[in-house]
Structures are given as C-alpha cells and as structure tokens.
Amino acid sequence: MKPIISPWLIYFASRADNLTTFFGVITGICGSIAICTFFAGLAGYNEPFKFRKTISKLIIGCVVMTIITIMTPNTETIYTMAVVNEITPDNIQTIGKTGKDVVDYITDQIDKVINENDEKENK
C-alpha cells in the first residue's frame, strides 16, 4: 500500500525548523561582521567606508539570508501543504467538518505517529 505522505517528506519537514534557525544564525553573523567592519574602518582609518566592498557583500548576504529565512516553511506548514494535496471535497463531506478542521486533524495524527516513533527509537 502506498503511503499518503512520503517518509522522506516527514524527515525533511522535521528538519525545516533547524534550517530556519541555521539561516537566521548566518544572517546574524553577516550583519555582525558588516557592523564590525564599518566600525573598524571608522576607528582605524577615520573612513567608515574604507572596506566598502566587504561591507556591501556582507549586507547583500544578510538580505539574501533574511529572505531565505522568511520564505522557509516550518514543519506544520509542510505537513499542511502535503495534506491539502490529498484532500478532496468528498473527503470533507464524509468527515463533515470544514477544510481547516480536516487539515488540523490529519496534521495532529501525523505528529502523533511521528512522536510515537521517536519514543520507540529513544528506548
């Protein structure tokens, strides 16, 4: 029997929050280095933009990483997107709830199964 949601999707969905954190840290590092470079030019050479190319590259990196951080979905969003792909009007009428209730129920069931598997692996 073919699974509704791929096990690989579940694996990568569980790593999405860590990926968002990683991109956020990279953003912070780029921003911090850009500020330190600005002040180094200001203090050492009395020219704040002495290292203009370096500062520009770091600011561009900071902006790109911020956009990637914002656009990376969290675990719940990935599950919701996977479930919504499988929902049909007949499924909703059978359950008798709204579409959001169905998605929430299925997402809760997926989380429950994943948590049970994690507990078994930790024993």
PDB file of N, CA and C in Angstrom:
ATOM      1  N   MET A   1       0.852  -1.177   0.000  1.00  0.00           N
ATOM      2  CA  MET A   1       0.000   0.000   0.000  1.00  0.00           C
ATOM      3  C   MET A   1       0.898   1.241   0.000  1.00  0.00           C
ATOM      4  N   LYS A   2       0.584   2.170  -0.856  1.00  0.00           N
ATOM      5  CA  LYS A   2       1.363   3.403  -0.990  1.00  0.00           C
ATOM      6  C   LYS A   2       1.025   4.358   0.151  1.00  0.00           C
ATOM      7  N   PRO A   3       2.054   4.878   0.847  1.00  0.00           N
ATOM      8  CA  PRO A   3       1.758   5.834   1.920  1.00  0.00           C
ATOM      9  C   PRO A   3       1.228   7.143   1.346  1.00  0.00           C
ATOM     10  N   ILE A   4       0.350   7.797   2.114  1.00  0.00           N
ATOM     11  CA  ILE A   4      -0.222   9.062   1.677  1.00  0.00           C
ATOM     12  C   ILE A   4       0.859  10.131   1.650  1.00  0.00           C
ATOM     13  N   ILE A   5       1.677  10.144   2.683  1.00  0.00           N
ATOM     14  CA  ILE A   5       2.745  11.125   2.771  1.00  0.00           C
ATOM     15  C   ILE A   5       4.069  10.374   2.780  1.00  0.00           C
ATOM     16  N   SER A   6       4.966  10.787   1.935  1.00  0.00           N
ATOM     17  CA  SER A   6       6.261  10.139   1.810  1.00  0.00           C
ATOM     18  C   SER A   6       7.046  10.241   3.117  1.00  0.00           C
ATOM     19  N   PRO A   7       7.692   9.162   3.519  1.00  0.00           N
ATOM     20  CA  PRO A   7       8.548   9.228   4.709  1.00  0.00           C
ATOM     21  C   PRO A   7       9.675  10.264   4.562  1.00  0.00           C
ATOM     22  N   TRP A   8      10.142  10.466   3.348  1.00  0.00           N
ATOM     23  CA  TRP A   8      11.170  11.478   3.127  1.00  0.00           C
ATOM     24  C   TRP A   8      10.638  12.875   3.408  1.00  0.00           C
ATOM     25  N   LEU A   9       9.386  13.121   3.050  1.00  0.00           N
ATOM     26  CA  LEU A   9       8.777  14.414   3.335  1.00  0.00           C
ATOM     27  C   LEU A   9       8.694  14.642   4.843  1.00  0.00           C
ATOM     28  N   ILE A  10       8.350  13.595   5.575  1.00  0.00           N
ATOM     29  CA  ILE A  10       8.282  13.711   7.033  1.00  0.00           C
ATOM     30  C   ILE A  10       9.661  14.009   7.599  1.00  0.00           C
ATOM     31  N   TYR A  11      10.683  13.338   7.073  1.00  0.00           N
ATOM     32  CA  TYR A  11      12.048  13.584   7.545  1.00  0.00           C
ATOM     33  C   TYR A  11      12.465  15.030   7.294  1.00  0.00           C
ATOM     34  N   PHE A  12      12.295  15.502   6.055  1.00  0.00           N
ATOM     35  CA  PHE A  12      12.716  16.863   5.732  1.00  0.00           C
ATOM     36  C   PHE A  12      11.846  17.915   6.424  1.00  0.00           C
ATOM     37  N   ALA A  13      10.586  17.592   6.652  1.00  0.00           N
ATOM     38  CA  ALA A  13       9.719  18.528   7.383  1.00  0.00           C
ATOM     39  C   ALA A  13      10.194  18.683   8.822  1.00  0.00           C
ATOM     40  N   SER A  14      10.674  17.597   9.407  1.00  0.00           N
ATOM     41  CA  SER A  14      11.148  17.691  10.792  1.00  0.00           C
ATOM     42  C   SER A  14      12.448  18.486  10.891  1.00  0.00           C
ATOM     43  N   ARG A  15      13.159  18.625   9.790  1.00  0.00           N
ATOM     44  CA  ARG A  15      14.408  19.397   9.773  1.00  0.00           C
ATOM     45  C   ARG A  15      14.204  20.854   9.357  1.00  0.00           C
ATOM     46  N   ALA A  16      13.017  21.223   8.947  1.00  0.00           N
ATOM     47  CA  ALA A  16      12.757  22.575   8.446  1.00  0.00           C
ATOM     48  C   ALA A  16      12.988  23.645   9.505  1.00  0.00           C
ATOM     49  N   ASP A  17      12.607  23.364  10.737  1.00  0.00           N
ATOM     50  CA  ASP A  17      12.800  24.357  11.802  1.00  0.00           C
ATOM     51  C   ASP A  17      14.289  24.588  12.069  1.00  0.00           C
ATOM     52  N   ASN A  18      15.072  23.519  12.011  1.00  0.00           N
ATOM     53  CA  ASN A  18      16.521  23.663  12.189  1.00  0.00           C
ATOM     54  C   ASN A  18      17.131  24.466  11.046  1.00  0.00           C
ATOM     55  N   LEU A  19      16.615  24.271   9.849  1.00  0.00           N
ATOM     56  CA  LEU A  19      17.111  25.008   8.686  1.00  0.00           C
ATOM     57  C   LEU A  19      16.819  26.503   8.830  1.00  0.00           C
ATOM     58  N   THR A  20      15.649  26.828   9.320  1.00  0.00           N
ATOM     59  CA  THR A  20      15.300  28.229   9.558  1.00  0.00           C
ATOM     60  C   THR A  20      16.229  28.850  10.599  1.00  0.00           C
ATOM     61  N   THR A  21      16.515  28.102  11.648  1.00  0.00           N
ATOM     62  CA  THR A  21      17.441  28.586  12.673  1.00  0.00           C
ATOM     63  C   THR A  21      18.830  28.804  12.087  1.00  0.00           C
ATOM     64  N   PHE A  22      19.284  27.867  11.264  1.00  0.00           N
ATOM     65  CA  PHE A  22      20.598  27.975  10.630  1.00  0.00           C
ATOM     66  C   PHE A  22      20.699  29.241   9.779  1.00  0.00           C
ATOM     67  N   PHE A  23      19.694  29.474   8.940  1.00  0.00           N
ATOM     68  CA  PHE A  23      19.710  30.674   8.100  1.00  0.00           C
ATOM     69  C   PHE A  23      19.651  31.944   8.946  1.00  0.00           C
ATOM     70  N   GLY A  24      18.919  31.904  10.043  1.00  0.00           N
ATOM     71  CA  GLY A  24      18.864  33.059  10.943  1.00  0.00           C
ATOM     72  C   GLY A  24      20.214  33.349  11.573  1.00  0.00           C
ATOM     73  N   VAL A  25      20.929  32.307  11.954  1.00  0.00           N
ATOM     74  CA  VAL A  25      22.268  32.489  12.536  1.00  0.00           C
ATOM     75  C   VAL A  25      23.222  33.067  11.504  1.00  0.00           C
ATOM     76  N   ILE A  26      23.168  32.557  10.274  1.00  0.00           N
ATOM     77  CA  ILE A  26      24.022  33.087   9.206  1.00  0.00           C
ATOM     78  C   ILE A  26      23.714  34.565   8.965  1.00  0.00           C
ATOM     79  N   THR A  27      22.433  34.923   9.003  1.00  0.00           N
ATOM     80  CA  THR A  27      22.035  36.323   8.850  1.00  0.00           C
ATOM     81  C   THR A  27      22.650  37.177   9.946  1.00  0.00           C
ATOM     82  N   GLY A  28      22.561  36.714  11.170  1.00  0.00           N
ATOM     83  CA  GLY A  28      23.129  37.450  12.294  1.00  0.00           C
ATOM     84  C   GLY A  28      24.639  37.606  12.193  1.00  0.00           C
ATOM     85  N   ILE A  29      25.311  36.551  11.758  1.00  0.00           N
ATOM     86  CA  ILE A  29      26.765  36.610  11.604  1.00  0.00           C
ATOM     87  C   ILE A  29      27.158  37.617  10.531  1.00  0.00           C
ATOM     88  N   CYS A  30      26.478  37.573   9.385  1.00  0.00           N
ATOM     89  CA  CYS A  30      26.779  38.532   8.302  1.00  0.00           C
ATOM     90  C   CYS A  30      26.539  39.965   8.764  1.00  0.00           C
ATOM     91  N   GLY A  31      25.438  40.193   9.452  1.00  0.00           N
ATOM     92  CA  GLY A  31      25.140  41.534   9.941  1.00  0.00           C
ATOM     93  C   GLY A  31      26.161  42.015  10.958  1.00  0.00           C
ATOM     94  N   SER A  32      26.557  41.127  11.864  1.00  0.00           N
ATOM     95  CA  SER A  32      27.548  41.497  12.884  1.00  0.00           C
ATOM     96  C   SER A  32      28.901  41.828  12.262  1.00  0.00           C
ATOM     97  N   ILE A  33      29.323  41.016  11.310  1.00  0.00           N
ATOM     98  CA  ILE A  33      30.607  41.271  10.655  1.00  0.00           C
ATOM     99  C   ILE A  33      30.555  42.582   9.871  1.00  0.00           C
ATOM    100  N   ALA A  34      29.419  42.861   9.222  1.00  0.00           N
ATOM    101  CA  ALA A  34      29.290  44.121   8.477  1.00  0.00           C
ATOM    102  C   ALA A  34      29.399  45.319   9.415  1.00  0.00           C
ATOM    103  N   ILE A  35      28.756  45.246  10.560  1.00  0.00           N
ATOM    104  CA  ILE A  35      28.814  46.351  11.528  1.00  0.00           C
ATOM    105  C   ILE A  35      30.232  46.508  12.078  1.00  0.00           C
ATOM    106  N   CYS A  36      30.869  45.374  12.408  1.00  0.00           N
ATOM    107  CA  CYS A  36      32.249  45.438  12.925  1.00  0.00           C
ATOM    108  C   CYS A  36      33.203  46.000  11.875  1.00  0.00           C
ATOM    109  N   THR A  37      33.007  45.625  10.616  1.00  0.00           N
ATOM    110  CA  THR A  37      33.861  46.143   9.540  1.00  0.00           C
ATOM    111  C   THR A  37      33.659  47.643   9.371  1.00  0.00           C
ATOM    112  N   PHE A  38      32.430  48.092   9.467  1.00  0.00           N
ATOM    113  CA  PHE A  38      32.131  49.512   9.374  1.00  0.00           C
ATOM    114  C   PHE A  38      32.853  50.283  10.478  1.00  0.00           C
ATOM    115  N   PHE A  39      32.737  49.787  11.724  1.00  0.00           N
ATOM    116  CA  PHE A  39      33.380  50.466  12.847  1.00  0.00           C
ATOM    117  C   PHE A  39      34.904  50.352  12.803  1.00  0.00           C
ATOM    118  N   ALA A  40      35.420  49.255  12.234  1.00  0.00           N
ATOM    119  CA  ALA A  40      36.873  49.129  12.095  1.00  0.00           C
ATOM    120  C   ALA A  40      37.403  50.189  11.136  1.00  0.00           C
ATOM    121  N   GLY A  41      36.690  50.418  10.053  1.00  0.00           N
ATOM    122  CA  GLY A  41      37.080  51.471   9.117  1.00  0.00           C
ATOM    123  C   GLY A  41      36.959  52.844   9.745  1.00  0.00           C
ATOM    124  N   LEU A  42      35.952  53.024  10.552  1.00  0.00           N
ATOM    125  CA  LEU A  42      35.734  54.306  11.215  1.00  0.00           C
ATOM    126  C   LEU A  42      36.811  54.578  12.270  1.00  0.00           C
ATOM    127  N   ALA A  43      37.132  53.567  13.052  1.00  0.00           N
ATOM    128  CA  ALA A  43      38.089  53.758  14.149  1.00  0.00           C
ATOM    129  C   ALA A  43      39.539  53.757  13.656  1.00  0.00           C
ATOM    130  N   GLY A  44      39.864  52.834  12.762  1.00  0.00           N
ATOM    131  CA  GLY A  44      41.251  52.679  12.350  1.00  0.00           C
ATOM    132  C   GLY A  44      41.705  53.666  11.297  1.00  0.00           C
ATOM    133  N   TYR A  45      40.825  54.001  10.395  1.00  0.00           N
ATOM    134  CA  TYR A  45      41.229  54.828   9.252  1.00  0.00           C
ATOM    135  C   TYR A  45      40.475  56.146   9.183  1.00  0.00           C
ATOM    136  N   ASN A  46      39.539  56.340  10.088  1.00  0.00           N
ATOM    137  CA  ASN A  46      38.689  57.518  10.100  1.00  0.00           C
ATOM    138  C   ASN A  46      37.908  57.643   8.790  1.00  0.00           C
ATOM    139  N   GLU A  47      37.717  56.502   8.132  1.00  0.00           N
ATOM    140  CA  GLU A  47      36.905  56.419   6.911  1.00  0.00           C
ATOM    141  C   GLU A  47      35.942  55.251   7.112  1.00  0.00           C
ATOM    142  N   PRO A  48      34.691  55.524   7.415  1.00  0.00           N
ATOM    143  CA  PRO A  48      33.766  54.425   7.724  1.00  0.00           C
ATOM    144  C   PRO A  48      33.574  53.446   6.570  1.00  0.00           C
ATOM    145  N   PHE A  49      33.728  53.908   5.338  1.00  0.00           N
ATOM    146  CA  PHE A  49      33.504  53.027   4.199  1.00  0.00           C
ATOM    147  C   PHE A  49      34.810  52.633   3.522  1.00  0.00           C
ATOM    148  N   LYS A  50      35.870  52.517   4.309  1.00  0.00           N
ATOM    149  CA  LYS A  50      37.168  52.085   3.793  1.00  0.00           C
ATOM    150  C   LYS A  50      37.040  50.681   3.186  1.00  0.00           C
ATOM    151  N   PHE A  51      36.235  49.843   3.815  1.00  0.00           N
ATOM    152  CA  PHE A  51      36.026  48.467   3.361  1.00  0.00           C
ATOM    153  C   PHE A  51      34.656  48.343   2.696  1.00  0.00           C
ATOM    154  N   ARG A  52      34.366  49.249   1.784  1.00  0.00           N
ATOM    155  CA  ARG A  52      33.047  49.344   1.160  1.00  0.00           C
ATOM    156  C   ARG A  52      32.640  48.046   0.457  1.00  0.00           C
ATOM    157  N   LYS A  53      33.552  47.417  -0.276  1.00  0.00           N
ATOM    158  CA  LYS A  53      33.205  46.191  -0.998  1.00  0.00           C
ATOM    159  C   LYS A  53      32.844  45.069  -0.035  1.00  0.00           C
ATOM    160  N   THR A  54      33.622  44.941   1.021  1.00  0.00           N
ATOM    161  CA  THR A  54      33.340  43.898   2.020  1.00  0.00           C
ATOM    162  C   THR A  54      32.008  44.150   2.699  1.00  0.00           C
ATOM    163  N   ILE A  55      31.773  45.391   3.083  1.00  0.00           N
ATOM    164  CA  ILE A  55      30.506  45.732   3.735  1.00  0.00           C
ATOM    165  C   ILE A  55      29.334  45.482   2.794  1.00  0.00           C
ATOM    166  N   SER A  56      29.479  45.840   1.514  1.00  0.00           N
ATOM    167  CA  SER A  56      28.404  45.627   0.533  1.00  0.00           C
ATOM    168  C   SER A  56      28.086  44.147   0.380  1.00  0.00           C
ATOM    169  N   LYS A  57      29.120  43.314   0.273  1.00  0.00           N
ATOM    170  CA  LYS A  57      28.898  41.872   0.123  1.00  0.00           C
ATOM    171  C   LYS A  57      28.209  41.293   1.358  1.00  0.00           C
ATOM    172  N   LEU A  58      28.620  41.752   2.529  1.00  0.00           N
ATOM    173  CA  LEU A  58      28.004  41.244   3.754  1.00  0.00           C
ATOM    174  C   LEU A  58      26.551  41.684   3.886  1.00  0.00           C
ATOM    175  N   ILE A  59      26.266  42.902   3.500  1.00  0.00           N
ATOM    176  CA  ILE A  59      24.875  43.384   3.558  1.00  0.00           C
ATOM    177  C   ILE A  59      24.009  42.622   2.561  1.00  0.00           C
ATOM    178  N   ILE A  60      24.538  42.379   1.369  1.00  0.00           N
ATOM    179  CA  ILE A  60      23.792  41.583   0.384  1.00  0.00           C
ATOM    180  C   ILE A  60      23.544  40.182   0.925  1.00  0.00           C
ATOM    181  N   GLY A  61      24.577  39.567   1.525  1.00  0.00           N
ATOM    182  CA  GLY A  61      24.406  38.249   2.131  1.00  0.00           C
ATOM    183  C   GLY A  61      23.382  38.260   3.241  1.00  0.00           C
ATOM    184  N   CYS A  62      23.388  39.318   4.028  1.00  0.00           N
ATOM    185  CA  CYS A  62      22.433  39.453   5.122  1.00  0.00           C
ATOM    186  C   CYS A  62      21.001  39.556   4.588  1.00  0.00           C
ATOM    187  N   VAL A  63      20.805  40.340   3.552  1.00  0.00           N
ATOM    188  CA  VAL A  63      19.472  40.500   2.964  1.00  0.00           C
ATOM    189  C   VAL A  63      18.996  39.185   2.342  1.00  0.00           C
ATOM    190  N   VAL A  64      19.877  38.512   1.606  1.00  0.00           N
ATOM    191  CA  VAL A  64      19.504  37.243   0.968  1.00  0.00           C
ATOM    192  C   VAL A  64      19.151  36.201   2.029  1.00  0.00           C
ATOM    193  N   MET A  65      19.963  36.089   3.061  1.00  0.00           N
ATOM    194  CA  MET A  65      19.685  35.115   4.123  1.00  0.00           C
ATOM    195  C   MET A  65      18.397  35.458   4.881  1.00  0.00           C
ATOM    196  N   THR A  66      18.107  36.739   5.047  1.00  0.00           N
ATOM    197  CA  THR A  66      16.857  37.137   5.694  1.00  0.00           C
ATOM    198  C   THR A  66      15.660  36.701   4.853  1.00  0.00           C
ATOM    199  N   ILE A  67      15.746  36.896   3.552  1.00  0.00           N
ATOM    200  CA  ILE A  67      14.659  36.478   2.660  1.00  0.00           C
ATOM    201  C   ILE A  67      14.490  34.966   2.698  1.00  0.00           C
ATOM    202  N   ILE A  68      15.602  34.225   2.662  1.00  0.00           N
ATOM    203  CA  ILE A  68      15.522  32.763   2.721  1.00  0.00           C
ATOM    204  C   ILE A  68      14.924  32.317   4.052  1.00  0.00           C
ATOM    205  N   THR A  69      15.318  32.971   5.140  1.00  0.00           N
ATOM    206  CA  THR A  69      14.781  32.628   6.463  1.00  0.00           C
ATOM    207  C   THR A  69      13.271  32.848   6.509  1.00  0.00           C
ATOM    208  N   ILE A  70      12.828  33.945   5.945  1.00  0.00           N
ATOM    209  CA  ILE A  70      11.396  34.247   5.955  1.00  0.00           C
ATOM    210  C   ILE A  70      10.620  33.273   5.069  1.00  0.00           C
ATOM    211  N   MET A  71      11.197  32.879   3.945  1.00  0.00           N
ATOM    212  CA  MET A  71      10.498  32.035   2.985  1.00  0.00           C
ATOM    213  C   MET A  71      10.551  30.537   3.322  1.00  0.00           C
ATOM    214  N   THR A  72      11.395  30.119   4.247  1.00  0.00           N
ATOM    215  CA  THR A  72      11.485  28.703   4.604  1.00  0.00           C
ATOM    216  C   THR A  72      10.278  28.331   5.467  1.00  0.00           C
ATOM    217  N   PRO A  73       9.481  27.356   5.019  1.00  0.00           N
ATOM    218  CA  PRO A  73       8.295  26.993   5.795  1.00  0.00           C
ATOM    219  C   PRO A  73       8.674  26.203   7.047  1.00  0.00           C
ATOM    220  N   ASN A  74       7.807  26.277   8.052  1.00  0.00           N
ATOM    221  CA  ASN A  74       8.049  25.485   9.255  1.00  0.00           C
ATOM    222  C   ASN A  74       7.440  24.098   9.077  1.00  0.00           C
ATOM    223  N   THR A  75       7.628  23.242  10.057  1.00  0.00           N
ATOM    224  CA  THR A  75       7.191  21.852   9.966  1.00  0.00           C
ATOM    225  C   THR A  75       5.684  21.748   9.746  1.00  0.00           C
ATOM    226  N   GLU A  76       4.920  22.512  10.486  1.00  0.00           N
ATOM    227  CA  GLU A  76       3.465  22.440  10.366  1.00  0.00           C
ATOM    228  C   GLU A  76       2.987  22.872   8.976  1.00  0.00           C
ATOM    229  N   THR A  77       3.619  23.872   8.411  1.00  0.00           N
ATOM    230  CA  THR A  77       3.240  24.330   7.073  1.00  0.00           C
ATOM    231  C   THR A  77       3.524  23.252   6.033  1.00  0.00           C
ATOM    232  N   ILE A  78       4.638  22.566   6.163  1.00  0.00           N
ATOM    233  CA  ILE A  78       4.965  21.498   5.211  1.00  0.00           C
ATOM    234  C   ILE A  78       3.947  20.369   5.302  1.00  0.00           C
ATOM    235  N   TYR A  79       3.587  19.974   6.524  1.00  0.00           N
ATOM    236  CA  TYR A  79       2.563  18.934   6.700  1.00  0.00           C
ATOM    237  C   TYR A  79       1.233  19.378   6.113  1.00  0.00           C
ATOM    238  N   THR A  80       0.865  20.623   6.364  1.00  0.00           N
ATOM    239  CA  THR A  80      -0.400  21.143   5.851  1.00  0.00           C
ATOM    240  C   THR A  80      -0.415  21.120   4.330  1.00  0.00           C
ATOM    241  N   MET A  81       0.690  21.529   3.716  1.00  0.00           N
ATOM    242  CA  MET A  81       0.766  21.525   2.251  1.00  0.00           C
ATOM    243  C   MET A  81       0.646  20.103   1.703  1.00  0.00           C
ATOM    244  N   ALA A  82       1.252  19.130   2.384  1.00  0.00           N
ATOM    245  CA  ALA A  82       1.184  17.742   1.931  1.00  0.00           C
ATOM    246  C   ALA A  82      -0.225  17.183   2.073  1.00  0.00           C
ATOM    247  N   VAL A  83      -0.889  17.535   3.168  1.00  0.00           N
ATOM    248  CA  VAL A  83      -2.230  17.022   3.417  1.00  0.00           C
ATOM    249  C   VAL A  83      -3.245  17.654   2.478  1.00  0.00           C
ATOM    250  N   VAL A  84      -3.135  18.936   2.262  1.00  0.00           N
ATOM    251  CA  VAL A  84      -4.088  19.635   1.403  1.00  0.00           C
ATOM    252  C   VAL A  84      -4.056  19.061  -0.006  1.00  0.00           C
ATOM    253  N   ASN A  85      -2.922  18.578  -0.422  1.00  0.00           N
ATOM    254  CA  ASN A  85      -2.804  17.980  -1.746  1.00  0.00           C
ATOM    255  C   ASN A  85      -3.667  16.723  -1.873  1.00  0.00           C
ATOM    256  N   GLU A  86      -3.946  16.048  -0.766  1.00  0.00           N
ATOM    257  CA  GLU A  86      -4.707  14.802  -0.783  1.00  0.00           C
ATOM    258  C   GLU A  86      -6.192  14.972  -0.459  1.00  0.00           C
ATOM    259  N   ILE A  87      -6.608  16.147  -0.020  1.00  0.00           N
ATOM    260  CA  ILE A  87      -7.996  16.360   0.379  1.00  0.00           C
ATOM    261  C   ILE A  87      -8.861  16.654  -0.841  1.00  0.00           C
ATOM    262  N   THR A  88      -9.992  15.995  -0.872  1.00  0.00           N
ATOM    263  CA  THR A  88     -10.963  16.227  -1.939  1.00  0.00           C
ATOM    264  C   THR A  88     -12.281  16.672  -1.295  1.00  0.00           C
ATOM    265  N   PRO A  89     -13.174  17.255  -2.066  1.00  0.00           N
ATOM    266  CA  PRO A  89     -14.487  17.633  -1.497  1.00  0.00           C
ATOM    267  C   PRO A  89     -15.233  16.440  -0.907  1.00  0.00           C
ATOM    268  N   ASP A  90     -15.066  15.250  -1.506  1.00  0.00           N
ATOM    269  CA  ASP A  90     -15.730  14.057  -0.966  1.00  0.00           C
ATOM    270  C   ASP A  90     -15.199  13.721   0.431  1.00  0.00           C
ATOM    271  N   ASN A  91     -13.891  13.874   0.627  1.00  0.00           N
ATOM    272  CA  ASN A  91     -13.307  13.611   1.953  1.00  0.00           C
ATOM    273  C   ASN A  91     -13.885  14.564   2.988  1.00  0.00           C
ATOM    274  N   ILE A  92     -14.015  15.812   2.630  1.00  0.00           N
ATOM    275  CA  ILE A  92     -14.529  16.809   3.570  1.00  0.00           C
ATOM    276  C   ILE A  92     -15.980  16.519   3.915  1.00  0.00           C
ATOM    277  N   GLN A  93     -16.800  16.144   2.913  1.00  0.00           N
ATOM    278  CA  GLN A  93     -18.207  15.835   3.173  1.00  0.00           C
ATOM    279  C   GLN A  93     -18.351  14.582   4.019  1.00  0.00           C
ATOM    280  N   THR A  94     -17.459  13.621   3.810  1.00  0.00           N
ATOM    281  CA  THR A  94     -17.512  12.387   4.594  1.00  0.00           C
ATOM    282  C   THR A  94     -17.252  12.660   6.061  1.00  0.00           C
ATOM    283  N   ILE A  95     -16.278  13.486   6.342  1.00  0.00           N
ATOM    284  CA  ILE A  95     -15.940  13.794   7.726  1.00  0.00           C
ATOM    285  C   ILE A  95     -16.943  14.782   8.311  1.00  0.00           C
ATOM    286  N   GLY A  96     -17.474  15.672   7.473  1.00  0.00           N
ATOM    287  CA  GLY A  96     -18.489  16.603   7.933  1.00  0.00           C
ATOM    288  C   GLY A  96     -17.942  17.816   8.652  1.00  0.00           C
ATOM    289  N   LYS A  97     -16.706  18.153   8.393  1.00  0.00           N
ATOM    290  CA  LYS A  97     -16.104  19.311   9.023  1.00  0.00           C
ATOM    291  C   LYS A  97     -15.607  20.254   7.935  1.00  0.00           C
ATOM    292  N   THR A  98     -15.105  21.380   8.376  1.00  0.00           N
ATOM    293  CA  THR A  98     -14.536  22.309   7.405  1.00  0.00           C
ATOM    294  C   THR A  98     -13.171  21.818   6.960  1.00  0.00           C
ATOM    295  N   GLY A  99     -12.680  22.390   5.882  1.00  0.00           N
ATOM    296  CA  GLY A  99     -11.373  22.005   5.357  1.00  0.00           C
ATOM    297  C   GLY A  99     -10.262  22.207   6.367  1.00  0.00           C
ATOM    298  N   LYS A 100     -10.320  23.308   7.108  1.00  0.00           N
ATOM    299  CA  LYS A 100      -9.275  23.587   8.108  1.00  0.00           C
ATOM    300  C   LYS A 100      -9.309  22.555   9.223  1.00  0.00           C
ATOM    301  N   ASP A 101     -10.495  22.142   9.655  1.00  0.00           N
ATOM    302  CA  ASP A 101     -10.600  21.119  10.696  1.00  0.00           C
ATOM    303  C   ASP A 101      -9.996  19.794  10.226  1.00  0.00           C
ATOM    304  N   VAL A 102     -10.227  19.445   8.962  1.00  0.00           N
ATOM    305  CA  VAL A 102      -9.685  18.207   8.406  1.00  0.00           C
ATOM    306  C   VAL A 102      -8.165  18.275   8.381  1.00  0.00           C
ATOM    307  N   VAL A 103      -7.621  19.385   7.905  1.00  0.00           N
ATOM    308  CA  VAL A 103      -6.171  19.546   7.840  1.00  0.00           C
ATOM    309  C   VAL A 103      -5.570  19.487   9.239  1.00  0.00           C
ATOM    310  N   ASP A 104      -6.187  20.176  10.194  1.00  0.00           N
ATOM    311  CA  ASP A 104      -5.688  20.158  11.574  1.00  0.00           C
ATOM    312  C   ASP A 104      -5.725  18.746  12.154  1.00  0.00           C
ATOM    313  N   TYR A 105      -6.804  18.017  11.894  1.00  0.00           N
ATOM    314  CA  TYR A 105      -6.924  16.650  12.405  1.00  0.00           C
ATOM    315  C   TYR A 105      -5.833  15.760  11.819  1.00  0.00           C
ATOM    316  N   ILE A 106      -5.640  15.841  10.518  1.00  0.00           N
ATOM    317  CA  ILE A 106      -4.636  14.985   9.872  1.00  0.00           C
ATOM    318  C   ILE A 106      -3.239  15.376  10.324  1.00  0.00           C
ATOM    319  N   THR A 107      -2.965  16.664  10.455  1.00  0.00           N
ATOM    320  CA  THR A 107      -1.655  17.120  10.932  1.00  0.00           C
ATOM    321  C   THR A 107      -1.404  16.628  12.352  1.00  0.00           C
ATOM    322  N   ASP A 108      -2.421  16.669  13.194  1.00  0.00           N
ATOM    323  CA  ASP A 108      -2.279  16.151  14.563  1.00  0.00           C
ATOM    324  C   ASP A 108      -1.981  14.656  14.557  1.00  0.00           C
ATOM    325  N   GLN A 109      -2.638  13.928  13.670  1.00  0.00           N
ATOM    326  CA  GLN A 109      -2.401  12.485  13.583  1.00  0.00           C
ATOM    327  C   GLN A 109      -0.968  12.190  13.109  1.00  0.00           C
ATOM    328  N   ILE A 110      -0.475  12.982  12.162  1.00  0.00           N
ATOM    329  CA  ILE A 110       0.900  12.800  11.681  1.00  0.00           C
ATOM    330  C   ILE A 110       1.869  13.070  12.825  1.00  0.00           C
ATOM    331  N   ASP A 111       1.670  14.159  13.558  1.00  0.00           N
ATOM    332  CA  ASP A 111       2.530  14.474  14.698  1.00  0.00           C
ATOM    333  C   ASP A 111       2.499  13.356  15.741  1.00  0.00           C
ATOM    334  N   LYS A 112       1.312  12.806  15.971  1.00  0.00           N
ATOM    335  CA  LYS A 112       1.159  11.727  16.940  1.00  0.00           C
ATOM    336  C   LYS A 112       1.967  10.500  16.513  1.00  0.00           C
ATOM    337  N   VAL A 113       1.887  10.138  15.248  1.00  0.00           N
ATOM    338  CA  VAL A 113       2.633   8.982  14.732  1.00  0.00           C
ATOM    339  C   VAL A 113       4.138   9.234  14.819  1.00  0.00           C
ATOM    340  N   ILE A 114       4.561  10.424  14.457  1.00  0.00           N
ATOM    341  CA  ILE A 114       5.992  10.752  14.494  1.00  0.00           C
ATOM    342  C   ILE A 114       6.500  10.729  15.923  1.00  0.00           C
ATOM    343  N   ASN A 115       5.750  11.284  16.849  1.00  0.00           N
ATOM    344  CA  ASN A 115       6.166  11.293  18.257  1.00  0.00           C
ATOM    345  C   ASN A 115       6.233   9.884  18.831  1.00  0.00           C
ATOM    346  N   GLU A 116       5.296   9.008  18.433  1.00  0.00           N
ATOM    347  CA  GLU A 116       5.332   7.623  18.884  1.00  0.00           C
ATOM    348  C   GLU A 116       6.578   6.924  18.353  1.00  0.00           C
ATOM    349  N   ASN A 117       6.935   7.189  17.091  1.00  0.00           N
ATOM    350  CA  ASN A 117       8.133   6.579  16.507  1.00  0.00           C
ATOM    351  C   ASN A 117       9.385   7.093  17.190  1.00  0.00           C
ATOM    352  N   ASP A 118       9.421   8.379  17.527  1.00  0.00           N
ATOM    353  CA  ASP A 118      10.572   8.949  18.227  1.00  0.00           C
ATOM    354  C   ASP A 118      10.742   8.323  19.604  1.00  0.00           C
ATOM    355  N   GLU A 119       9.623   8.106  20.299  1.00  0.00           N
ATOM    356  CA  GLU A 119       9.690   7.496  21.624  1.00  0.00           C
ATOM    357  C   GLU A 119      10.194   6.061  21.537  1.00  0.00           C
ATOM    358  N   LYS A 120       9.768   5.315  20.503  1.00  0.00           N
ATOM    359  CA  LYS A 120      10.235   3.945  20.323  1.00  0.00           C
ATOM    360  C   LYS A 120      11.740   3.920  20.020  1.00  0.00           C
ATOM    361  N   GLU A 121      12.215   4.864  19.220  1.00  0.00           N
ATOM    362  CA  GLU A 121      13.633   4.903  18.862  1.00  0.00           C
ATOM    363  C   GLU A 121      14.489   5.291  20.057  1.00  0.00           C
ATOM    364  N   ASN A 122      13.972   6.110  20.947  1.00  0.00           N
ATOM    365  CA  ASN A 122      14.742   6.566  22.112  1.00  0.00           C
ATOM    366  C   ASN A 122      14.855   5.486  23.190  1.00  0.00           C
ATOM    367  N   LYS A 123      14.003   4.471  23.136  1.00  0.00           N
ATOM    368  CA  LYS A 123      14.042   3.410  24.161  1.00  0.00           C
ATOM    369  C   LYS A 123      15.134   2.442  23.889  1.00  0.00           C
TER     370      LYS A 123
END
